[in-house]
Amino acid sequence: MYYSLEQIQFFDAHTFAYLELKIENNFLHIFLNRPQAKNALSPTLIRELAFALSYAHHQKNIWGIVLGARGNIWCAGMDLKAMKGQEETNNSTIPTTEKEIILGEMFVKLHKPAIMRIHAPVYAGGFLLVGSAHYAVGTAQANFSLPEVKRGLFPFQVMSLLLQNISTRVVMDWCLKGKTLSAIECKNIGLLTDLVENEQEIDEFITQNLILPLTENSPAAIHLGLQAFDEMRAINEQEKQGFLKKMFEQCIQTEDAQEGIKAFAEKRKPIWKNQ
């Protein structure tokens, strides 16, 4: 992650200019809160998001995250003006990081379940958030636009993420034409995992159908599984099974594994410690 355990020690003492945060049901709920700028991704907002995700990664009591947004645009993509050094002043106290923050990698490196709560339109660089998550729940009011080619640009990073879950021809047609797809179309092609009618339904759906089922399972096992999924991408096929065997051996030594095996034998629900 972009911030170490030591750097997030005084997390609660920091001021976030563009994020709203709360912990509920062992999940960190994060809301992009820059509606006046359509939640465009400025350097400060990106830094705050990296800091919040690093906190979630390091904290044992946080088993996953939900990312939503305030306002009538979920995310308008990159704040190009701010990226050129013309960022507005703000009261954020989040420290800078020596590492370059890569949006498309933040959720993969989290090694905990990431859920997107999408109630409104998403544009351009906002796909780097949506496409990185394990679950993406949208409303019928959301739509998804890749207008870069209409501005002389191309969604290079977005293309790579989309190709992990969507067929090549669909992705390339989307990128080359700069099209806008509806939430229903995005559910059909695999960008959205779930679709609800409106924002009033989305929180209940996420809680009942994602958070509660996920928290019934071992957070330690899920963490190691997602870590293995991340790391095995850099391992060649001949070494992959040996690596996964070692990960299984590490997993079976956890307290959660011992508790799960014992609870199964005693025909009761396990009590997870995330250890």
Protein backbone atom coordinates (compact mmCIF):
# COMPACT_ATOMS: atom_id res chain seq x y z
CA MET A 1 0.00 0.00 0.00
CA TYR A 2 1.03 3.61 -0.39
CA TYR A 3 1.17 4.35 3.36
CA SER A 4 2.77 2.20 6.04
CA LEU A 5 1.28 1.06 9.33
CA GLU A 6 3.29 3.78 11.07
CA GLN A 7 1.97 6.49 8.77
CA ILE A 8 -1.69 5.66 9.45
CA GLN A 9 -1.30 5.47 13.26
CA PHE A 10 -2.91 8.88 13.77
CA PHE A 11 -5.57 8.40 11.11
CA ASP A 12 -8.40 9.92 13.18
CA ALA A 13 -6.43 13.12 13.78
CA HIS A 14 -6.26 13.95 10.07
CA THR A 15 -8.62 16.18 8.12
CA PHE A 16 -10.05 14.95 4.82
CA ALA A 17 -11.09 17.65 2.39
CA TYR A 18 -12.89 15.41 -0.09
CA LEU A 19 -13.79 12.13 1.63
CA GLU A 20 -16.54 11.19 4.06
CA LEU A 21 -15.79 8.09 6.18
CA LYS A 22 -17.54 5.74 8.60
CA ILE A 23 -17.05 2.16 9.85
CA GLU A 24 -20.09 -0.12 9.93
CA ASN A 25 -20.37 -3.92 10.01
CA ASN A 26 -16.56 -4.20 9.88
CA PHE A 27 -16.53 -2.34 6.54
CA LEU A 28 -15.03 1.10 5.95
CA HIS A 29 -17.59 3.15 4.01
CA ILE A 30 -15.94 5.87 1.93
CA PHE A 31 -17.78 8.58 0.01
CA LEU A 32 -16.18 10.84 -2.57
CA ASN A 33 -17.37 14.21 -1.31
CA ARG A 34 -16.43 16.81 -3.90
CA PRO A 35 -19.81 17.29 -5.57
CA GLN A 36 -19.11 20.89 -6.60
CA ALA A 37 -16.40 19.51 -8.93
CA LYS A 38 -18.38 16.38 -9.91
CA ASN A 39 -16.02 14.33 -7.73
CA ALA A 40 -13.22 14.82 -10.24
CA LEU A 41 -10.04 13.07 -9.15
CA SER A 42 -7.61 15.77 -8.08
CA PRO A 43 -4.17 14.98 -6.58
CA THR A 44 -5.55 15.69 -3.09
CA LEU A 45 -8.57 13.42 -3.55
CA ILE A 46 -6.40 10.63 -4.93
CA ARG A 47 -3.97 11.01 -2.01
CA GLU A 48 -6.84 10.93 0.51
CA LEU A 49 -8.27 7.80 -1.09
CA ALA A 50 -4.88 6.07 -1.01
CA PHE A 51 -4.53 7.01 2.68
CA ALA A 52 -8.01 5.68 3.55
CA LEU A 53 -7.40 2.41 1.69
CA SER A 54 -4.01 2.00 3.38
CA TYR A 55 -5.77 2.43 6.72
CA ALA A 56 -8.32 -0.22 5.77
CA HIS A 57 -5.53 -2.55 4.63
CA HIS A 58 -3.64 -2.30 7.92
CA GLN A 59 -6.59 -2.35 10.37
CA LYS A 60 -7.67 -5.79 11.63
CA ASN A 61 -11.18 -4.57 12.50
CA ILE A 62 -11.82 -3.52 8.89
CA TRP A 63 -12.69 -6.50 6.71
CA GLY A 64 -13.56 -4.64 3.50
CA ILE A 65 -14.57 -1.31 2.01
CA VAL A 66 -17.54 0.28 0.25
CA LEU A 67 -16.89 3.27 -2.02
CA GLY A 68 -19.72 5.62 -2.93
CA ALA A 69 -20.07 9.27 -3.84
CA ARG A 70 -22.12 12.35 -2.99
CA GLY A 71 -23.83 14.51 -5.59
CA ASN A 72 -25.42 13.86 -8.98
CA ILE A 73 -22.18 12.69 -10.68
CA TRP A 74 -20.43 9.67 -9.19
CA CYS A 75 -17.07 10.64 -10.68
CA ALA A 76 -16.22 12.83 -13.66
CA GLY A 77 -12.76 11.30 -14.09
CA MET A 78 -9.42 13.02 -13.69
CA ASP A 79 -9.27 16.69 -12.72
CA LEU A 80 -7.07 17.72 -15.65
CA LYS A 81 -6.74 21.31 -14.46
CA ALA A 82 -5.55 20.21 -11.01
CA MET A 83 -3.18 17.68 -12.58
CA LYS A 84 -1.48 20.58 -14.35
CA GLY A 85 -0.71 22.23 -11.00
CA GLN A 86 -3.79 24.44 -10.76
CA GLU A 87 -5.44 22.66 -7.85
CA GLU A 88 -7.81 24.59 -5.60
CA THR A 89 -6.75 25.27 -2.01
CA ASN A 90 -8.19 22.91 0.60
CA ASN A 91 -7.82 21.91 4.26
CA SER A 92 -6.59 18.35 3.75
CA THR A 93 -3.87 17.24 6.17
CA ILE A 94 -3.12 13.91 4.49
CA PRO A 95 0.66 13.57 4.00
CA THR A 96 2.23 13.10 0.61
CA THR A 97 3.73 9.76 -0.35
CA GLU A 98 7.02 9.05 -2.09
CA LYS A 99 5.40 6.41 -4.30
CA GLU A 100 3.44 7.39 -7.37
CA ILE A 101 -0.20 6.49 -6.72
CA ILE A 102 -1.64 4.24 -9.44
CA LEU A 103 -5.44 4.32 -9.22
CA GLY A 104 -5.88 1.03 -11.03
CA GLU A 105 -3.81 -0.82 -8.43
CA MET A 106 -5.12 0.61 -5.16
CA PHE A 107 -7.99 -1.83 -4.69
CA VAL A 108 -6.02 -4.87 -5.84
CA LYS A 109 -3.33 -4.16 -3.23
CA LEU A 110 -5.98 -3.68 -0.52
CA HIS A 111 -6.34 -7.50 -0.24
CA LYS A 112 -9.83 -7.07 1.20
CA PRO A 113 -13.23 -7.09 -0.55
CA ALA A 114 -14.00 -3.80 -2.31
CA ILE A 115 -17.58 -2.84 -3.22
CA MET A 116 -18.53 0.09 -5.44
CA ARG A 117 -21.83 1.87 -4.64
CA ILE A 118 -22.73 3.65 -7.90
CA HIS A 119 -25.88 5.78 -7.88
CA ALA A 120 -25.03 8.28 -10.64
CA PRO A 121 -23.07 8.67 -13.90
CA VAL A 122 -19.40 7.67 -14.14
CA TYR A 123 -16.99 9.18 -16.66
CA ALA A 124 -13.49 8.45 -17.96
CA GLY A 125 -11.00 7.99 -15.09
CA GLY A 126 -13.81 7.07 -12.71
CA PHE A 127 -13.67 3.64 -14.37
CA LEU A 128 -10.31 3.10 -12.65
CA LEU A 129 -12.26 2.87 -9.40
CA VAL A 130 -15.25 0.90 -10.70
CA GLY A 131 -13.17 -1.57 -12.72
CA SER A 132 -10.79 -2.32 -9.84
CA ALA A 133 -13.43 -3.52 -7.38
CA HIS A 134 -14.63 -7.04 -6.64
CA TYR A 135 -18.27 -5.94 -6.69
CA ALA A 136 -19.96 -3.00 -8.41
CA VAL A 137 -23.59 -2.26 -7.56
CA GLY A 138 -25.31 0.33 -9.71
CA THR A 139 -28.71 1.97 -9.93
CA ALA A 140 -30.82 2.36 -13.05
CA GLN A 141 -29.95 6.09 -12.99
CA ALA A 142 -26.24 5.45 -13.47
CA ASN A 143 -24.61 5.45 -16.88
CA PHE A 144 -21.00 4.97 -17.93
CA SER A 145 -19.13 7.15 -20.43
CA LEU A 146 -15.69 6.93 -22.03
CA PRO A 147 -15.45 10.24 -23.92
CA GLU A 148 -11.65 10.48 -24.08
CA VAL A 149 -11.33 10.04 -27.87
CA LYS A 150 -13.72 12.97 -28.35
CA ARG A 151 -11.13 15.12 -26.55
CA GLY A 152 -8.04 13.84 -28.30
CA LEU A 153 -7.18 11.38 -25.53
CA PHE A 154 -7.44 7.62 -25.05
CA PRO A 155 -8.45 5.62 -21.92
CA PHE A 156 -5.30 3.49 -21.78
CA GLN A 157 -5.49 2.38 -18.12
CA VAL A 158 -9.26 1.98 -18.22
CA MET A 159 -8.94 -0.24 -21.30
CA SER A 160 -6.60 -2.58 -19.43
CA LEU A 161 -8.95 -2.90 -16.45
CA LEU A 162 -12.04 -3.43 -18.58
CA LEU A 163 -10.35 -6.22 -20.53
CA GLN A 164 -10.08 -8.24 -17.31
CA ASN A 165 -13.86 -8.74 -17.22
CA ILE A 166 -15.30 -7.76 -20.61
CA SER A 167 -14.71 -9.15 -24.11
CA THR A 168 -12.08 -7.47 -26.28
CA ARG A 169 -14.45 -6.32 -29.03
CA VAL A 170 -16.91 -4.76 -26.59
CA VAL A 171 -14.13 -2.89 -24.79
CA MET A 172 -12.47 -1.64 -27.95
CA ASP A 173 -15.78 -0.51 -29.47
CA TRP A 174 -16.51 1.41 -26.27
CA CYS A 175 -13.07 3.06 -26.19
CA LEU A 176 -12.86 3.81 -29.93
CA LYS A 177 -16.33 5.33 -30.23
CA GLY A 178 -16.34 7.14 -26.88
CA LYS A 179 -19.80 5.76 -26.15
CA THR A 180 -22.09 6.04 -23.13
CA LEU A 181 -23.62 2.79 -21.89
CA SER A 182 -26.61 2.44 -19.58
CA ALA A 183 -26.49 0.63 -16.26
CA ILE A 184 -28.45 -2.27 -17.78
CA GLU A 185 -25.95 -2.58 -20.63
CA CYS A 186 -23.06 -2.50 -18.14
CA LYS A 187 -24.70 -5.25 -16.09
CA ASN A 188 -25.10 -7.35 -19.23
CA ILE A 189 -21.44 -7.01 -20.27
CA GLY A 190 -20.07 -7.61 -16.76
CA LEU A 191 -18.90 -4.18 -15.54
CA LEU A 192 -21.66 -4.11 -12.91
CA THR A 193 -22.10 -7.19 -10.75
CA ASP A 194 -25.53 -6.11 -9.48
CA LEU A 195 -28.26 -3.63 -10.44
CA VAL A 196 -30.98 -2.05 -8.28
CA GLU A 197 -33.77 0.33 -9.20
CA ASN A 198 -32.74 3.46 -7.27
CA GLU A 199 -30.47 4.89 -4.59
CA GLN A 200 -33.03 4.20 -1.85
CA GLU A 201 -32.48 0.47 -2.43
CA ILE A 202 -28.74 0.35 -2.88
CA ASP A 203 -27.55 0.43 0.73
CA GLU A 204 -29.96 -2.28 1.86
CA PHE A 205 -28.94 -4.44 -1.10
CA ILE A 206 -25.21 -4.03 -0.37
CA THR A 207 -25.68 -4.82 3.32
CA GLN A 208 -27.92 -7.85 2.89
CA ASN A 209 -26.41 -9.38 -0.26
CA LEU A 210 -22.72 -8.52 0.06
CA ILE A 211 -21.52 -7.27 3.45
CA LEU A 212 -23.40 -9.73 5.68
CA PRO A 213 -22.56 -12.82 3.57
CA LEU A 214 -18.91 -11.74 3.35
CA THR A 215 -18.61 -11.16 7.12
CA GLU A 216 -19.91 -14.68 7.78
CA ASN A 217 -16.67 -15.98 6.28
CA SER A 218 -13.11 -15.88 7.61
CA PRO A 219 -11.57 -12.43 6.99
CA ALA A 220 -8.09 -13.94 7.38
CA ALA A 221 -8.77 -16.50 4.64
CA ILE A 222 -10.27 -13.86 2.35
CA HIS A 223 -7.28 -11.58 2.92
CA LEU A 224 -4.79 -14.33 2.04
CA GLY A 225 -6.87 -15.38 -0.96
CA LEU A 226 -6.92 -11.86 -2.37
CA GLN A 227 -3.21 -11.47 -1.63
CA ALA A 228 -2.54 -14.68 -3.58
CA PHE A 229 -4.74 -13.48 -6.46
CA ASP A 230 -2.71 -10.26 -6.58
CA GLU A 231 0.75 -11.82 -6.33
CA MET A 232 0.25 -14.80 -8.65
CA ARG A 233 -0.21 -12.46 -11.63
CA ALA A 234 3.57 -11.96 -11.61
CA ILE A 235 4.37 -15.69 -11.35
CA ASN A 236 4.82 -17.91 -14.40
CA GLU A 237 2.56 -20.92 -14.88
CA GLN A 238 5.25 -23.45 -13.92
CA GLU A 239 5.71 -21.86 -10.48
CA LYS A 240 2.09 -20.92 -9.79
CA GLN A 241 0.90 -24.15 -8.16
CA GLY A 242 3.90 -24.25 -5.83
CA PHE A 243 3.20 -20.67 -4.77
CA LEU A 244 -0.49 -21.41 -4.12
CA LYS A 245 0.43 -24.52 -2.10
CA LYS A 246 2.58 -22.34 0.16
CA MET A 247 -0.26 -19.85 0.53
CA PHE A 248 -2.61 -22.70 1.56
CA GLU A 249 -0.08 -23.88 4.14
CA GLN A 250 0.09 -20.33 5.52
CA CYS A 251 -3.70 -20.11 5.58
CA ILE A 252 -4.26 -23.36 7.45
CA GLN A 253 -1.98 -22.14 10.26
CA THR A 254 -4.16 -19.09 11.03
CA GLU A 255 -6.39 -18.92 14.11
CA ASP A 256 -9.37 -18.44 11.82
CA ALA A 257 -8.64 -21.73 10.05
CA GLN A 258 -8.36 -23.61 13.33
CA GLU A 259 -11.60 -22.01 14.56
CA GLY A 260 -13.38 -22.81 11.28
CA ILE A 261 -12.35 -26.47 11.38
CA LYS A 262 -13.34 -26.75 15.05
CA ALA A 263 -16.70 -25.02 14.50
CA PHE A 264 -17.48 -27.33 11.57
CA ALA A 265 -16.80 -30.39 13.75
CA GLU A 266 -18.93 -28.96 16.58
CA LYS A 267 -21.74 -27.95 14.19
CA ARG A 268 -21.76 -24.29 15.21
CA LYS A 269 -21.02 -20.94 13.61
CA PRO A 270 -17.35 -19.93 13.83
CA ILE A 271 -16.26 -16.82 15.70
CA TRP A 272 -13.72 -15.07 13.48
CA LYS A 273 -10.77 -13.16 14.97
CA ASN A 274 -9.10 -12.16 11.69
CA GLN A 275 -5.91 -13.77 12.95
